[in-house]
Protein backbone atom coordinates (compact mmCIF):
# COMPACT_ATOMS: atom_id res chain seq x y z
CA UNK A 1 -62.59 -7.22 -24.95
CA UNK A 2 -60.52 -8.66 -22.09
CA UNK A 3 -57.81 -10.91 -23.24
CA UNK A 4 -57.28 -14.25 -21.42
CA UNK A 5 -53.94 -15.23 -19.71
CA UNK A 6 -51.63 -16.51 -22.41
CA UNK A 7 -50.06 -19.97 -22.37
CA UNK A 8 -46.27 -20.20 -22.26
CA UNK A 9 -44.48 -21.01 -25.64
CA UNK A 10 -45.27 -24.53 -26.53
CA UNK A 11 -42.47 -27.15 -26.14
CA UNK A 12 -40.53 -28.22 -29.29
CA UNK A 13 -42.23 -31.04 -31.13
CA UNK A 14 -41.75 -34.24 -29.15
CA UNK A 15 -41.28 -36.52 -32.10
CA UNK A 16 -38.12 -36.49 -34.22
CA UNK A 17 -39.79 -38.33 -36.98
CA UNK A 18 -43.45 -38.64 -37.70
CA UNK A 19 -44.26 -42.19 -38.66
CA UNK A 20 -45.60 -42.48 -42.20
CA UNK A 21 -45.73 -46.25 -42.84
CA UNK A 22 -48.04 -48.40 -40.87
CA UNK A 23 -45.22 -50.53 -39.42
CA UNK A 24 -43.40 -47.43 -38.18
CA UNK A 25 -46.58 -46.17 -36.51
CA UNK A 26 -47.13 -49.50 -34.93
CA UNK A 27 -43.52 -49.45 -33.50
CA UNK A 28 -44.15 -46.04 -32.16
CA UNK A 29 -47.32 -47.09 -30.40
CA UNK A 30 -45.55 -50.08 -28.89
CA UNK A 31 -42.75 -47.70 -27.65
CA UNK A 32 -45.26 -45.40 -26.05
CA UNK A 33 -47.14 -48.41 -24.54
CA UNK A 34 -43.93 -49.62 -22.96
CA UNK A 35 -43.11 -46.08 -21.71
CA UNK A 36 -46.41 -46.05 -19.89
CA UNK A 37 -45.80 -49.39 -18.21
CA UNK A 38 -42.29 -48.54 -17.11
CA UNK A 39 -43.68 -45.21 -15.69
CA UNK A 40 -46.39 -47.07 -13.77
CA UNK A 41 -43.55 -49.44 -12.32
CA UNK A 42 -40.68 -46.96 -11.71
CA UNK A 43 -41.87 -43.28 -11.73
CA UNK A 44 -40.61 -40.63 -13.93
CA UNK A 45 -37.26 -40.11 -12.34
CA UNK A 46 -36.27 -43.64 -13.05
CA UNK A 47 -37.65 -43.82 -16.49
CA UNK A 48 -35.10 -44.40 -19.15
CA UNK A 49 -34.98 -44.86 -22.91
CA UNK A 50 -33.08 -48.10 -22.47
CA UNK A 51 -35.58 -49.73 -20.20
CA UNK A 52 -38.41 -48.60 -22.53
CA UNK A 53 -36.63 -50.20 -25.52
CA UNK A 54 -36.32 -53.39 -23.53
CA UNK A 55 -39.97 -53.48 -22.57
CA UNK A 56 -41.00 -52.61 -26.21
CA UNK A 57 -38.75 -55.36 -27.80
CA UNK A 58 -37.05 -52.83 -29.99
CA UNK A 59 -33.47 -51.74 -30.43
CA UNK A 60 -32.57 -48.67 -28.47
CA UNK A 61 -31.83 -47.00 -31.76
CA UNK A 62 -35.60 -47.31 -32.60
CA UNK A 63 -36.36 -45.23 -29.54
CA UNK A 64 -33.78 -42.54 -30.45
CA UNK A 65 -35.27 -42.48 -34.01
CA UNK A 66 -38.37 -40.80 -32.52
CA UNK A 67 -37.14 -39.23 -29.26
CA UNK A 68 -34.02 -37.39 -28.23
CA UNK A 69 -34.52 -38.24 -24.60
CA UNK A 70 -37.02 -39.59 -21.97
CA UNK A 71 -38.70 -36.25 -21.55
CA UNK A 72 -39.70 -35.99 -25.29
CA UNK A 73 -40.93 -39.64 -25.05
CA UNK A 74 -43.10 -38.69 -21.94
CA UNK A 75 -44.34 -35.55 -23.61
CA UNK A 76 -45.55 -37.69 -26.65
CA UNK A 77 -47.26 -40.07 -24.25
CA UNK A 78 -48.92 -36.98 -22.47
CA UNK A 79 -50.15 -35.84 -26.06
CA UNK A 80 -51.52 -39.34 -26.73
CA UNK A 81 -53.36 -39.20 -23.40
CA UNK A 82 -54.89 -35.88 -24.36
CA UNK A 83 -56.09 -37.25 -27.60
CA UNK A 84 -57.42 -40.42 -26.01
CA UNK A 85 -59.31 -38.19 -23.49
CA UNK A 86 -60.85 -36.19 -26.05
CA UNK A 87 -61.86 -39.25 -28.00
CA UNK A 88 -63.47 -40.79 -24.93
CA UNK A 89 -65.47 -37.73 -24.23
CA UNK A 90 -66.63 -37.47 -27.79
CA UNK A 91 -67.64 -41.18 -27.76
CA UNK A 92 -69.73 -40.52 -24.64
CA UNK A 93 -71.35 -37.37 -25.87
CA UNK A 94 -72.26 -38.78 -29.36
CA UNK A 95 -74.06 -41.91 -27.83
CA UNK A 96 -77.63 -41.66 -28.60
CA UNK A 97 -78.35 -41.89 -24.94
CA UNK A 98 -76.78 -38.35 -24.53
CA UNK A 99 -78.27 -36.62 -27.45
CA UNK A 100 -79.30 -33.80 -27.54
CA UNK A 101 -76.25 -32.72 -25.70
CA UNK A 102 -76.89 -31.04 -22.14
CA UNK A 103 -73.89 -29.00 -21.04
CA UNK A 104 -74.24 -29.92 -17.33
CA UNK A 105 -74.30 -33.73 -18.23
CA UNK A 106 -71.27 -32.97 -20.50
CA UNK A 107 -69.33 -31.52 -17.57
CA UNK A 108 -70.18 -34.80 -15.59
CA UNK A 109 -68.63 -36.73 -18.44
CA UNK A 110 -65.60 -34.58 -18.45
CA UNK A 111 -64.88 -35.43 -14.84
CA UNK A 112 -65.85 -39.12 -15.18
CA UNK A 113 -63.69 -39.83 -18.11
CA UNK A 114 -60.61 -38.24 -16.43
CA UNK A 115 -61.26 -40.48 -13.25
CA UNK A 116 -61.74 -43.47 -15.52
CA UNK A 117 -58.33 -42.81 -17.19
CA UNK A 118 -56.80 -42.13 -13.89
CA UNK A 119 -57.82 -45.62 -12.71
CA UNK A 120 -57.26 -47.67 -15.65
CA UNK A 121 -54.70 -46.28 -18.12
CA UNK A 122 -51.09 -47.22 -17.37
CA UNK A 123 -48.87 -44.45 -16.49
CA UNK A 124 -51.65 -41.76 -16.49
CA UNK A 125 -51.40 -41.23 -12.78
CA UNK A 126 -47.96 -39.87 -13.36
CA UNK A 127 -48.03 -38.45 -16.96
CA UNK A 128 -51.73 -37.16 -17.56
CA UNK A 129 -51.39 -34.44 -20.06
CA UNK A 130 -47.95 -33.09 -19.25
CA UNK A 131 -44.73 -34.21 -18.06
CA UNK A 132 -44.10 -34.06 -14.23
CA UNK A 133 -40.56 -32.74 -14.56
CA UNK A 134 -38.75 -29.38 -14.04
CA UNK A 135 -38.64 -27.35 -17.13
CA UNK A 136 -40.85 -24.76 -19.00
CA UNK A 137 -44.04 -23.62 -17.37
CA UNK A 138 -46.88 -26.10 -17.71
CA UNK A 139 -49.19 -25.40 -20.59
CA UNK A 140 -51.34 -28.57 -20.50
CA UNK A 141 -54.45 -26.99 -18.95
CA UNK A 142 -54.48 -24.35 -21.70
CA UNK A 143 -54.60 -27.08 -24.28
CA UNK A 144 -57.23 -29.24 -22.33
CA UNK A 145 -59.40 -26.15 -21.93
CA UNK A 146 -59.28 -25.17 -25.74
CA UNK A 147 -59.92 -28.96 -26.61
CA UNK A 148 -62.95 -29.23 -24.56
CA UNK A 149 -64.27 -25.90 -25.77
CA UNK A 150 -63.74 -27.18 -29.39
CA UNK A 151 -65.67 -30.31 -28.60
CA UNK A 152 -68.64 -28.68 -27.10
CA UNK A 153 -68.60 -25.58 -29.69
CA UNK A 154 -70.67 -27.39 -32.39
CA UNK A 155 -73.28 -29.13 -30.33
CA UNK A 156 -73.86 -26.27 -28.09
CA UNK A 157 -73.61 -23.42 -30.58
CA UNK A 158 -70.57 -21.86 -28.97
CA UNK A 159 -67.91 -19.68 -30.61
CA UNK A 160 -64.58 -21.56 -29.81
CA UNK A 161 -62.65 -18.32 -30.66
CA UNK A 162 -64.66 -16.22 -28.18
CA UNK A 163 -61.77 -15.11 -25.70
CA UNK A 164 -64.26 -14.75 -22.89
CA UNK A 165 -65.31 -18.40 -23.23
CA UNK A 166 -61.75 -19.54 -23.59
CA UNK A 167 -60.95 -17.83 -20.37
CA UNK A 168 -64.02 -19.40 -18.67
CA UNK A 169 -63.06 -22.88 -19.87
CA UNK A 170 -59.46 -22.42 -18.71
CA UNK A 171 -60.58 -21.31 -15.18
CA UNK A 172 -62.84 -24.32 -14.96
CA UNK A 173 -60.12 -26.79 -16.06
CA UNK A 174 -57.52 -25.21 -13.73
CA UNK A 175 -60.08 -25.40 -10.83
CA UNK A 176 -61.17 -28.93 -11.48
CA UNK A 177 -57.54 -30.06 -11.89
CA UNK A 178 -56.70 -28.49 -8.41
CA UNK A 179 -59.79 -30.35 -6.75
CA UNK A 180 -59.21 -33.62 -8.42
CA UNK A 181 -55.58 -33.59 -7.51
CA UNK A 182 -56.63 -32.89 -3.93
CA UNK A 183 -59.17 -35.80 -4.05
CA UNK A 184 -56.25 -38.23 -4.65
CA UNK A 185 -54.14 -36.67 -2.10
CA UNK A 186 -56.85 -37.08 0.37
CA UNK A 187 -57.60 -40.67 -0.59
CA UNK A 188 -55.23 -42.83 -2.81
CA UNK A 189 -58.37 -44.20 -4.32
CA UNK A 190 -59.98 -40.72 -4.82
CA UNK A 191 -62.30 -38.94 -2.52
CA UNK A 192 -65.90 -39.44 -3.87
CA UNK A 193 -67.12 -36.39 -1.97
CA UNK A 194 -64.56 -34.11 -3.72
CA UNK A 195 -65.55 -35.71 -6.98
CA UNK A 196 -69.13 -34.66 -6.35
CA UNK A 197 -68.04 -31.04 -5.37
CA UNK A 198 -65.91 -30.73 -8.48
CA UNK A 199 -68.97 -31.47 -10.61
CA UNK A 200 -71.12 -28.96 -8.66
CA UNK A 201 -68.46 -26.35 -8.85
CA UNK A 202 -68.13 -26.66 -12.78
CA UNK A 203 -71.91 -26.55 -13.18
CA UNK A 204 -72.20 -23.33 -10.92
CA UNK A 205 -69.36 -21.45 -12.47
CA UNK A 206 -70.07 -22.26 -16.04
CA UNK A 207 -73.79 -21.69 -15.74
CA UNK A 208 -73.27 -17.82 -16.31
CA UNK A 209 -71.67 -18.68 -19.70
CA UNK A 210 -73.59 -21.88 -20.83
CA UNK A 211 -77.19 -21.58 -19.49
CA UNK A 212 -79.49 -21.39 -22.53
CA UNK A 213 -77.05 -23.43 -24.73
CA UNK A 214 -78.61 -26.93 -25.46
CA UNK A 215 -80.63 -26.86 -22.14
CA UNK A 216 -84.24 -27.54 -21.48
CA UNK A 217 -86.26 -26.63 -18.31
CA UNK A 218 -85.24 -28.89 -15.37
CA UNK A 219 -81.63 -29.40 -16.51
CA UNK A 220 -80.23 -27.18 -13.80
CA UNK A 221 -81.90 -29.34 -11.06
CA UNK A 222 -80.11 -32.61 -12.29
């Protein structure tokens, strides 16, 4: 069986300390919220742990208790974004209006929830699922692809460990990522025509792998 391209080695864990107590977890959440707000205002280059501490209303030592530097802090924000993205997709797809699951509709949800976060979540435009800074090769799209495959595996009866499917989802995510980035370069608000083309491309490409999984006659013509 053909092996898919392998992701680079994952970065070291972003958190120095994993919060155990509720108060500590709330402080971490406040720090990440502040990080997102400062990112939105200043960009990544001017992000600083001191500015985040000030915005969060905590001593700078509290920031360093969790993060050694701003990159680790932004990586934790990116991880939280990915978790939130997966949760939003899950909520949409488990809504009674979307059951039983149709994979073509699911692909539309994948794009729509990304766009919703792009427009409404502070800092997401700069730190989506990875940090926009020089360093190790990006691996975020590998993680996004595996997360999406895991979300769809149960409802669609897929094998999340199937290497051919993992490769297909990676190709789909990389392609959609490139097109959506283009959509926002073309138009700061996002080019609706490119959003539509992205959905059509995902459906056309994944049909060879997913047709017959949770579909009914007529789904392909949606």
